[in-house]
Amino acid sequence: METKKLRSHIGADGVLQIQTFTALKDTLVEVVVIVQPLPDTEAALAEEAQSRCNAWGKKVTKESIGNAIAKMQQLRREVALDKMSVRSMIDEGRRF
């Protein structure tokens, strides 16, 4: 079984023409065609930009991303260990 995804244009006459190559020759096949109109490109991009949400379902904006980065940097400063603490932990680990 082969699955192919194609994009095509339906003309003003309403006729969809599909031409594709296949490895199958001289055999009976079943073909399933699903026709789904594509949205206007500009409208789709605008809608996609508006519909982005984070894991909690809140809208994602430049401001919310900036706030998240600032919070991560603050957390890093709060939990960071100084070099001497890391050295002592390594030395202590070697004793066991």
PDB file of N, CA and C in Angstrom:
ATOM      1  N   MET A   1       0.846  -1.176   0.000  1.00  0.00           N
ATOM      2  CA  MET A   1       0.000   0.000   0.000  1.00  0.00           C
ATOM      3  C   MET A   1       0.884   1.229   0.000  1.00  0.00           C
ATOM      4  N   GLU A   2       0.566   2.189  -0.812  1.00  0.00           N
ATOM      5  CA  GLU A   2       1.277   3.450  -0.885  1.00  0.00           C
ATOM      6  C   GLU A   2       0.361   4.562  -0.394  1.00  0.00           C
ATOM      7  N   THR A   3       0.913   5.490   0.364  1.00  0.00           N
ATOM      8  CA  THR A   3       0.162   6.667   0.770  1.00  0.00           C
ATOM      9  C   THR A   3       0.868   7.876   0.195  1.00  0.00           C
ATOM     10  N   LYS A   4       0.145   8.712  -0.502  1.00  0.00           N
ATOM     11  CA  LYS A   4       0.719   9.908  -1.098  1.00  0.00           C
ATOM     12  C   LYS A   4      -0.125  11.103  -0.704  1.00  0.00           C
ATOM     13  N   LYS A   5       0.553  12.193  -0.411  1.00  0.00           N
ATOM     14  CA  LYS A   5      -0.145  13.434  -0.104  1.00  0.00           C
ATOM     15  C   LYS A   5       0.237  14.437  -1.185  1.00  0.00           C
ATOM     16  N   LEU A   6      -0.751  14.970  -1.849  1.00  0.00           N
ATOM     17  CA  LEU A   6      -0.515  15.877  -2.964  1.00  0.00           C
ATOM     18  C   LEU A   6      -1.254  17.181  -2.745  1.00  0.00           C
ATOM     19  N   ARG A   7      -0.754  18.230  -3.371  1.00  0.00           N
ATOM     20  CA  ARG A   7      -1.485  19.490  -3.431  1.00  0.00           C
ATOM     21  C   ARG A   7      -1.805  19.743  -4.886  1.00  0.00           C
ATOM     22  N   SER A   8      -2.990  20.197  -5.133  1.00  0.00           N
ATOM     23  CA  SER A   8      -3.408  20.445  -6.498  1.00  0.00           C
ATOM     24  C   SER A   8      -4.321  21.660  -6.517  1.00  0.00           C
ATOM     25  N   HIS A   9      -4.659  22.102  -7.697  1.00  0.00           N
ATOM     26  CA  HIS A   9      -5.543  23.256  -7.857  1.00  0.00           C
ATOM     27  C   HIS A   9      -6.760  22.826  -8.657  1.00  0.00           C
ATOM     28  N   ILE A  10      -7.909  23.181  -8.157  1.00  0.00           N
ATOM     29  CA  ILE A  10      -9.146  22.915  -8.898  1.00  0.00           C
ATOM     30  C   ILE A  10      -9.467  24.180  -9.684  1.00  0.00           C
ATOM     31  N   GLY A  11      -9.576  24.037 -10.971  1.00  0.00           N
ATOM     32  CA  GLY A  11      -9.833  25.181 -11.834  1.00  0.00           C
ATOM     33  C   GLY A  11     -11.259  25.693 -11.724  1.00  0.00           C
ATOM     34  N   ALA A  12     -11.539  26.727 -12.506  1.00  0.00           N
ATOM     35  CA  ALA A  12     -12.869  27.347 -12.501  1.00  0.00           C
ATOM     36  C   ALA A  12     -13.945  26.377 -12.977  1.00  0.00           C
ATOM     37  N   ASP A  13     -13.531  25.356 -13.725  1.00  0.00           N
ATOM     38  CA  ASP A  13     -14.504  24.381 -14.223  1.00  0.00           C
ATOM     39  C   ASP A  13     -14.892  23.348 -13.165  1.00  0.00           C
ATOM     40  N   GLY A  14     -14.213  23.368 -11.990  1.00  0.00           N
ATOM     41  CA  GLY A  14     -14.545  22.443 -10.910  1.00  0.00           C
ATOM     42  C   GLY A  14     -13.963  21.054 -11.086  1.00  0.00           C
ATOM     43  N   VAL A  15     -13.022  20.878 -12.023  1.00  0.00           N
ATOM     44  CA  VAL A  15     -12.436  19.568 -12.290  1.00  0.00           C
ATOM     45  C   VAL A  15     -11.078  19.460 -11.595  1.00  0.00           C
ATOM     46  N   LEU A  16     -10.928  18.397 -10.825  1.00  0.00           N
ATOM     47  CA  LEU A  16      -9.655  18.102 -10.176  1.00  0.00           C
ATOM     48  C   LEU A  16      -8.925  17.055 -11.005  1.00  0.00           C
ATOM     49  N   GLN A  17      -7.735  17.387 -11.446  1.00  0.00           N
ATOM     50  CA  GLN A  17      -6.940  16.434 -12.213  1.00  0.00           C
ATOM     51  C   GLN A  17      -5.766  15.985 -11.349  1.00  0.00           C
ATOM     52  N   ILE A  18      -5.610  14.677 -11.222  1.00  0.00           N
ATOM     53  CA  ILE A  18      -4.525  14.112 -10.418  1.00  0.00           C
ATOM     54  C   ILE A  18      -3.685  13.218 -11.313  1.00  0.00           C
ATOM     55  N   GLN A  19      -2.398  13.481 -11.351  1.00  0.00           N
ATOM     56  CA  GLN A  19      -1.463  12.627 -12.069  1.00  0.00           C
ATOM     57  C   GLN A  19      -0.311  12.333 -11.129  1.00  0.00           C
ATOM     58  N   THR A  20      -0.010  11.067 -10.935  1.00  0.00           N
ATOM     59  CA  THR A  20       1.086  10.677 -10.059  1.00  0.00           C
ATOM     60  C   THR A  20       1.679   9.357 -10.544  1.00  0.00           C
ATOM     61  N   PHE A  21       2.938   9.164 -10.254  1.00  0.00           N
ATOM     62  CA  PHE A  21       3.602   7.921 -10.630  1.00  0.00           C
ATOM     63  C   PHE A  21       3.506   6.924  -9.490  1.00  0.00           C
ATOM     64  N   THR A  22       3.504   5.643  -9.827  1.00  0.00           N
ATOM     65  CA  THR A  22       3.458   4.589  -8.820  1.00  0.00           C
ATOM     66  C   THR A  22       4.276   3.396  -9.309  1.00  0.00           C
ATOM     67  N   ALA A  23       4.728   2.603  -8.386  1.00  0.00           N
ATOM     68  CA  ALA A  23       5.495   1.404  -8.733  1.00  0.00           C
ATOM     69  C   ALA A  23       4.576   0.281  -9.214  1.00  0.00           C
ATOM     70  N   LEU A  24       3.303   0.392  -8.943  1.00  0.00           N
ATOM     71  CA  LEU A  24       2.345  -0.638  -9.353  1.00  0.00           C
ATOM     72  C   LEU A  24       2.047  -0.512 -10.843  1.00  0.00           C
ATOM     73  N   LYS A  25       1.972  -1.652 -11.512  1.00  0.00           N
ATOM     74  CA  LYS A  25       1.669  -1.643 -12.946  1.00  0.00           C
ATOM     75  C   LYS A  25       0.711  -2.785 -13.262  1.00  0.00           C
ATOM     76  N   ASP A  26      -0.181  -2.520 -14.163  1.00  0.00           N
ATOM     77  CA  ASP A  26      -1.097  -3.535 -14.677  1.00  0.00           C
ATOM     78  C   ASP A  26      -1.771  -4.330 -13.551  1.00  0.00           C
ATOM     79  N   THR A  27      -2.373  -3.592 -12.620  1.00  0.00           N
ATOM     80  CA  THR A  27      -3.029  -4.240 -11.481  1.00  0.00           C
ATOM     81  C   THR A  27      -4.264  -3.446 -11.073  1.00  0.00           C
ATOM     82  N   LEU A  28      -5.162  -4.090 -10.420  1.00  0.00           N
ATOM     83  CA  LEU A  28      -6.380  -3.452  -9.928  1.00  0.00           C
ATOM     84  C   LEU A  28      -6.061  -2.780  -8.589  1.00  0.00           C
ATOM     85  N   VAL A  29      -6.458  -1.538  -8.409  1.00  0.00           N
ATOM     86  CA  VAL A  29      -6.186  -0.816  -7.163  1.00  0.00           C
ATOM     87  C   VAL A  29      -7.440  -0.098  -6.690  1.00  0.00           C
ATOM     88  N   GLU A  30      -7.444   0.230  -5.416  1.00  0.00           N
ATOM     89  CA  GLU A  30      -8.494   1.051  -4.838  1.00  0.00           C
ATOM     90  C   GLU A  30      -7.851   2.387  -4.487  1.00  0.00           C
ATOM     91  N   VAL A  31      -8.498   3.472  -4.846  1.00  0.00           N
ATOM     92  CA  VAL A  31      -7.966   4.809  -4.619  1.00  0.00           C
ATOM     93  C   VAL A  31      -8.943   5.573  -3.750  1.00  0.00           C
ATOM     94  N   VAL A  32      -8.456   6.186  -2.690  1.00  0.00           N
ATOM     95  CA  VAL A  32      -9.283   7.010  -1.807  1.00  0.00           C
ATOM     96  C   VAL A  32      -8.814   8.459  -1.966  1.00  0.00           C
ATOM     97  N   VAL A  33      -9.719   9.344  -2.246  1.00  0.00           N
ATOM     98  CA  VAL A  33      -9.391  10.750  -2.435  1.00  0.00           C
ATOM     99  C   VAL A  33     -10.151  11.568  -1.397  1.00  0.00           C
ATOM    100  N   ILE A  34      -9.417  12.368  -0.665  1.00  0.00           N
ATOM    101  CA  ILE A  34     -10.025  13.295   0.297  1.00  0.00           C
ATOM    102  C   ILE A  34      -9.718  14.700  -0.190  1.00  0.00           C
ATOM    103  N   VAL A  35     -10.732  15.468  -0.445  1.00  0.00           N
ATOM    104  CA  VAL A  35     -10.545  16.840  -0.914  1.00  0.00           C
ATOM    105  C   VAL A  35     -10.829  17.778   0.241  1.00  0.00           C
ATOM    106  N   GLN A  36      -9.824  18.548   0.617  1.00  0.00           N
ATOM    107  CA  GLN A  36      -9.958  19.493   1.722  1.00  0.00           C
ATOM    108  C   GLN A  36      -9.421  20.840   1.275  1.00  0.00           C
ATOM    109  N   PRO A  37     -10.243  21.872   1.250  1.00  0.00           N
ATOM    110  CA  PRO A  37      -9.766  23.190   0.834  1.00  0.00           C
ATOM    111  C   PRO A  37      -8.715  23.713   1.807  1.00  0.00           C
ATOM    112  N   LEU A  38      -7.684  24.336   1.272  1.00  0.00           N
ATOM    113  CA  LEU A  38      -6.652  24.937   2.105  1.00  0.00           C
ATOM    114  C   LEU A  38      -7.060  26.370   2.427  1.00  0.00           C
ATOM    115  N   PRO A  39      -6.779  26.816   3.646  1.00  0.00           N
ATOM    116  CA  PRO A  39      -7.139  28.192   3.993  1.00  0.00           C
ATOM    117  C   PRO A  39      -6.234  29.179   3.270  1.00  0.00           C
ATOM    118  N   ASP A  40      -6.698  30.408   3.205  1.00  0.00           N
ATOM    119  CA  ASP A  40      -5.885  31.481   2.640  1.00  0.00           C
ATOM    120  C   ASP A  40      -4.592  31.569   3.443  1.00  0.00           C
ATOM    121  N   THR A  41      -3.459  31.650   2.796  1.00  0.00           N
ATOM    122  CA  THR A  41      -2.156  31.577   3.458  1.00  0.00           C
ATOM    123  C   THR A  41      -1.989  32.676   4.506  1.00  0.00           C
ATOM    124  N   GLU A  42      -2.297  33.896   4.168  1.00  0.00           N
ATOM    125  CA  GLU A  42      -2.119  35.001   5.118  1.00  0.00           C
ATOM    126  C   GLU A  42      -3.039  34.841   6.317  1.00  0.00           C
ATOM    127  N   ALA A  43      -4.282  34.467   6.069  1.00  0.00           N
ATOM    128  CA  ALA A  43      -5.236  34.280   7.161  1.00  0.00           C
ATOM    129  C   ALA A  43      -4.807  33.123   8.048  1.00  0.00           C
ATOM    130  N   ALA A  44      -4.281  32.053   7.449  1.00  0.00           N
ATOM    131  CA  ALA A  44      -3.836  30.900   8.230  1.00  0.00           C
ATOM    132  C   ALA A  44      -2.663  31.264   9.121  1.00  0.00           C
ATOM    133  N   LEU A  45      -1.720  32.042   8.608  1.00  0.00           N
ATOM    134  CA  LEU A  45      -0.567  32.462   9.416  1.00  0.00           C
ATOM    135  C   LEU A  45      -1.005  33.359  10.565  1.00  0.00           C
ATOM    136  N   ALA A  46      -1.923  34.277  10.304  1.00  0.00           N
ATOM    137  CA  ALA A  46      -2.423  35.159  11.360  1.00  0.00           C
ATOM    138  C   ALA A  46      -3.156  34.363  12.425  1.00  0.00           C
ATOM    139  N   GLU A  47      -3.967  33.391  12.009  1.00  0.00           N
ATOM    140  CA  GLU A  47      -4.707  32.561  12.956  1.00  0.00           C
ATOM    141  C   GLU A  47      -3.756  31.709  13.790  1.00  0.00           C
ATOM    142  N   GLU A  48      -2.724  31.162  13.156  1.00  0.00           N
ATOM    143  CA  GLU A  48      -1.752  30.333  13.875  1.00  0.00           C
ATOM    144  C   GLU A  48      -1.014  31.162  14.924  1.00  0.00           C
ATOM    145  N   ALA A  49      -0.651  32.384  14.566  1.00  0.00           N
ATOM    146  CA  ALA A  49       0.060  33.248  15.504  1.00  0.00           C
ATOM    147  C   ALA A  49      -0.825  33.585  16.707  1.00  0.00           C
ATOM    148  N   GLN A  50      -2.122  33.736  16.485  1.00  0.00           N
ATOM    149  CA  GLN A  50      -3.039  34.088  17.562  1.00  0.00           C
ATOM    150  C   GLN A  50      -3.378  32.892  18.448  1.00  0.00           C
ATOM    151  N   SER A  51      -3.333  31.693  17.913  1.00  0.00           N
ATOM    152  CA  SER A  51      -3.832  30.544  18.650  1.00  0.00           C
ATOM    153  C   SER A  51      -2.759  29.791  19.435  1.00  0.00           C
ATOM    154  N   ARG A  52      -1.570  30.336  19.598  1.00  0.00           N
ATOM    155  CA  ARG A  52      -0.531  29.639  20.349  1.00  0.00           C
ATOM    156  C   ARG A  52      -0.793  29.763  21.840  1.00  0.00           C
ATOM    157  N   CYS A  53      -0.771  28.616  22.510  1.00  0.00           N
ATOM    158  CA  CYS A  53      -1.008  28.579  23.949  1.00  0.00           C
ATOM    159  C   CYS A  53       0.090  27.752  24.604  1.00  0.00           C
ATOM    160  N   ASN A  54       0.360  28.055  25.876  1.00  0.00           N
ATOM    161  CA  ASN A  54       1.359  27.266  26.599  1.00  0.00           C
ATOM    162  C   ASN A  54       0.691  26.021  27.191  1.00  0.00           C
ATOM    163  N   ALA A  55       1.429  25.289  27.997  1.00  0.00           N
ATOM    164  CA  ALA A  55       0.934  24.034  28.564  1.00  0.00           C
ATOM    165  C   ALA A  55      -0.259  24.241  29.500  1.00  0.00           C
ATOM    166  N   TRP A  56      -0.430  25.441  30.006  1.00  0.00           N
ATOM    167  CA  TRP A  56      -1.534  25.738  30.929  1.00  0.00           C
ATOM    168  C   TRP A  56      -2.713  26.375  30.212  1.00  0.00           C
ATOM    169  N   GLY A  57      -2.653  26.445  28.876  1.00  0.00           N
ATOM    170  CA  GLY A  57      -3.756  26.981  28.100  1.00  0.00           C
ATOM    171  C   GLY A  57      -3.783  28.490  28.018  1.00  0.00           C
ATOM    172  N   LYS A  58      -2.731  29.160  28.483  1.00  0.00           N
ATOM    173  CA  LYS A  58      -2.680  30.622  28.411  1.00  0.00           C
ATOM    174  C   LYS A  58      -2.016  31.034  27.104  1.00  0.00           C
ATOM    175  N   LYS A  59      -2.464  32.148  26.545  1.00  0.00           N
ATOM    176  CA  LYS A  59      -1.919  32.646  25.282  1.00  0.00           C
ATOM    177  C   LYS A  59      -0.434  32.970  25.436  1.00  0.00           C
ATOM    178  N   VAL A  60       0.343  32.635  24.411  1.00  0.00           N
ATOM    179  CA  VAL A  60       1.770  32.908  24.396  1.00  0.00           C
ATOM    180  C   VAL A  60       1.996  34.211  23.643  1.00  0.00           C
ATOM    181  N   THR A  61       2.683  35.152  24.310  1.00  0.00           N
ATOM    182  CA  THR A  61       3.016  36.432  23.692  1.00  0.00           C
ATOM    183  C   THR A  61       4.499  36.690  23.897  1.00  0.00           C
ATOM    184  N   LYS A  62       5.018  37.720  23.243  1.00  0.00           N
ATOM    185  CA  LYS A  62       6.425  38.082  23.449  1.00  0.00           C
ATOM    186  C   LYS A  62       6.662  38.418  24.917  1.00  0.00           C
ATOM    187  N   GLU A  63       5.705  39.090  25.525  1.00  0.00           N
ATOM    188  CA  GLU A  63       5.833  39.466  26.933  1.00  0.00           C
ATOM    189  C   GLU A  63       5.865  38.233  27.837  1.00  0.00           C
ATOM    190  N   SER A  64       4.988  37.249  27.566  1.00  0.00           N
ATOM    191  CA  SER A  64       4.956  36.055  28.410  1.00  0.00           C
ATOM    192  C   SER A  64       6.229  35.234  28.243  1.00  0.00           C
ATOM    193  N   ILE A  65       6.775  35.206  27.039  1.00  0.00           N
ATOM    194  CA  ILE A  65       8.037  34.492  26.812  1.00  0.00           C
ATOM    195  C   ILE A  65       9.166  35.189  27.555  1.00  0.00           C
ATOM    196  N   GLY A  66       9.190  36.524  27.488  1.00  0.00           N
ATOM    197  CA  GLY A  66      10.205  37.294  28.213  1.00  0.00           C
ATOM    198  C   GLY A  66      10.114  37.067  29.714  1.00  0.00           C
ATOM    199  N   ASN A  67       8.890  37.026  30.233  1.00  0.00           N
ATOM    200  CA  ASN A  67       8.689  36.775  31.669  1.00  0.00           C
ATOM    201  C   ASN A  67       9.174  35.382  32.058  1.00  0.00           C
ATOM    202  N   ALA A  68       8.895  34.402  31.222  1.00  0.00           N
ATOM    203  CA  ALA A  68       9.321  33.027  31.508  1.00  0.00           C
ATOM    204  C   ALA A  68      10.842  32.928  31.524  1.00  0.00           C
ATOM    205  N   ILE A  69      11.491  33.582  30.581  1.00  0.00           N
ATOM    206  CA  ILE A  69      12.957  33.563  30.537  1.00  0.00           C
ATOM    207  C   ILE A  69      13.528  34.251  31.772  1.00  0.00           C
ATOM    208  N   ALA A  70      12.949  35.375  32.160  1.00  0.00           N
ATOM    209  CA  ALA A  70      13.423  36.090  33.348  1.00  0.00           C
ATOM    210  C   ALA A  70      13.269  35.225  34.599  1.00  0.00           C
ATOM    211  N   LYS A  71      12.140  34.509  34.711  1.00  0.00           N
ATOM    212  CA  LYS A  71      11.926  33.633  35.864  1.00  0.00           C
ATOM    213  C   LYS A  71      12.927  32.487  35.889  1.00  0.00           C
ATOM    214  N   MET A  72      13.252  31.924  34.712  1.00  0.00           N
ATOM    215  CA  MET A  72      14.243  30.844  34.654  1.00  0.00           C
ATOM    216  C   MET A  72      15.629  31.352  35.056  1.00  0.00           C
ATOM    217  N   GLN A  73      15.980  32.553  34.601  1.00  0.00           N
ATOM    218  CA  GLN A  73      17.281  33.122  34.971  1.00  0.00           C
ATOM    219  C   GLN A  73      17.340  33.396  36.473  1.00  0.00           C
ATOM    220  N   GLN A  74      16.250  33.891  37.048  1.00  0.00           N
ATOM    221  CA  GLN A  74      16.193  34.133  38.488  1.00  0.00           C
ATOM    222  C   GLN A  74      16.342  32.826  39.263  1.00  0.00           C
ATOM    223  N   LEU A  75      15.653  31.783  38.821  1.00  0.00           N
ATOM    224  CA  LEU A  75      15.749  30.480  39.466  1.00  0.00           C
ATOM    225  C   LEU A  75      17.171  29.946  39.386  1.00  0.00           C
ATOM    226  N   ARG A  76      17.819  30.125  38.246  1.00  0.00           N
ATOM    227  CA  ARG A  76      19.199  29.683  38.097  1.00  0.00           C
ATOM    228  C   ARG A  76      20.106  30.383  39.117  1.00  0.00           C
ATOM    229  N   ARG A  77      19.885  31.694  39.322  1.00  0.00           N
ATOM    230  CA  ARG A  77      20.699  32.435  40.299  1.00  0.00           C
ATOM    231  C   ARG A  77      20.429  31.938  41.723  1.00  0.00           C
ATOM    232  N   GLU A  78      19.165  31.615  42.012  1.00  0.00           N
ATOM    233  CA  GLU A  78      18.803  31.188  43.363  1.00  0.00           C
ATOM    234  C   GLU A  78      19.356  29.811  43.714  1.00  0.00           C
ATOM    235  N   VAL A  79      19.413  28.904  42.757  1.00  0.00           N
ATOM    236  CA  VAL A  79      19.851  27.546  43.063  1.00  0.00           C
ATOM    237  C   VAL A  79      21.294  27.275  42.643  1.00  0.00           C
ATOM    238  N   ALA A  80      21.954  28.258  42.092  1.00  0.00           N
ATOM    239  CA  ALA A  80      23.331  28.056  41.624  1.00  0.00           C
ATOM    240  C   ALA A  80      24.265  27.804  42.806  1.00  0.00           C
ATOM    241  N   LEU A  81      25.213  26.939  42.587  1.00  0.00           N
ATOM    242  CA  LEU A  81      26.220  26.628  43.591  1.00  0.00           C
ATOM    243  C   LEU A  81      27.524  27.304  43.200  1.00  0.00           C
ATOM    244  N   ASP A  82      28.233  27.805  44.205  1.00  0.00           N
ATOM    245  CA  ASP A  82      29.521  28.406  43.897  1.00  0.00           C
ATOM    246  C   ASP A  82      30.540  27.299  43.623  1.00  0.00           C
ATOM    247  N   LYS A  83      31.659  27.659  43.021  1.00  0.00           N
ATOM    248  CA  LYS A  83      32.650  26.674  42.603  1.00  0.00           C
ATOM    249  C   LYS A  83      33.221  25.891  43.778  1.00  0.00           C
ATOM    250  N   MET A  84      33.370  26.528  44.927  1.00  0.00           N
ATOM    251  CA  MET A  84      33.943  25.846  46.093  1.00  0.00           C
ATOM    252  C   MET A  84      32.984  24.757  46.595  1.00  0.00           C
ATOM    253  N   SER A  85      31.678  25.032  46.546  1.00  0.00           N
ATOM    254  CA  SER A  85      30.697  24.031  46.982  1.00  0.00           C
ATOM    255  C   SER A  85      30.721  22.821  46.065  1.00  0.00           C
ATOM    256  N   VAL A  86      30.831  23.064  44.778  1.00  0.00           N
ATOM    257  CA  VAL A  86      30.883  21.968  43.822  1.00  0.00           C
ATOM    258  C   VAL A  86      32.139  21.143  44.056  1.00  0.00           C
ATOM    259  N   ARG A  87      33.281  21.819  44.279  1.00  0.00           N
ATOM    260  CA  ARG A  87      34.546  21.117  44.527  1.00  0.00           C
ATOM    261  C   ARG A  87      34.443  20.249  45.780  1.00  0.00           C
ATOM    262  N   SER A  88      33.848  20.782  46.852  1.00  0.00           N
ATOM    263  CA  SER A  88      33.737  20.011  48.084  1.00  0.00           C
ATOM    264  C   SER A  88      32.799  18.802  47.906  1.00  0.00           C
ATOM    265  N   MET A  89      31.732  18.964  47.096  1.00  0.00           N
ATOM    266  CA  MET A  89      30.835  17.849  46.830  1.00  0.00           C
ATOM    267  C   MET A  89      31.561  16.744  46.058  1.00  0.00           C
ATOM    268  N   ILE A  90      32.381  17.139  45.105  1.00  0.00           N
ATOM    269  CA  ILE A  90      33.136  16.158  44.321  1.00  0.00           C
ATOM    270  C   ILE A  90      34.098  15.406  45.235  1.00  0.00           C
ATOM    271  N   ASP A  91      34.802  16.154  46.094  1.00  0.00           N
ATOM    272  CA  ASP A  91      35.740  15.529  47.010  1.00  0.00           C
ATOM    273  C   ASP A  91      35.019  14.608  47.979  1.00  0.00           C
ATOM    274  N   GLU A  92      33.877  15.040  48.476  1.00  0.00           N
ATOM    275  CA  GLU A  92      33.107  14.221  49.412  1.00  0.00           C
ATOM    276  C   GLU A  92      32.610  12.944  48.719  1.00  0.00           C
ATOM    277  N   GLY A  93      32.227  13.055  47.454  1.00  0.00           N
ATOM    278  CA  GLY A  93      31.766  11.892  46.712  1.00  0.00           C
ATOM    279  C   GLY A  93      32.861  10.871  46.519  1.00  0.00           C
ATOM    280  N   ARG A  94      34.068  11.304  46.431  1.00  0.00           N
ATOM    281  CA  ARG A  94      35.195  10.397  46.240  1.00  0.00           C
ATOM    282  C   ARG A  94      35.460   9.572  47.475  1.00  0.00           C
ATOM    283  N   ARG A  95      35.037  10.061  48.632  1.00  0.00           N
ATOM    284  CA  ARG A  95      35.291   9.343  49.879  1.00  0.00           C
ATOM    285  C   ARG A  95      34.415   8.105  50.015  1.00  0.00           C
ATOM    286  N   PHE A  96      33.291   8.055  49.290  1.00  0.00           N
ATOM    287  CA  PHE A  96      32.362   6.929  49.464  1.00  0.00           C
ATOM    288  C   PHE A  96      32.606   5.833  48.498  1.00  0.00           C
TER     289      PHE A  96
END
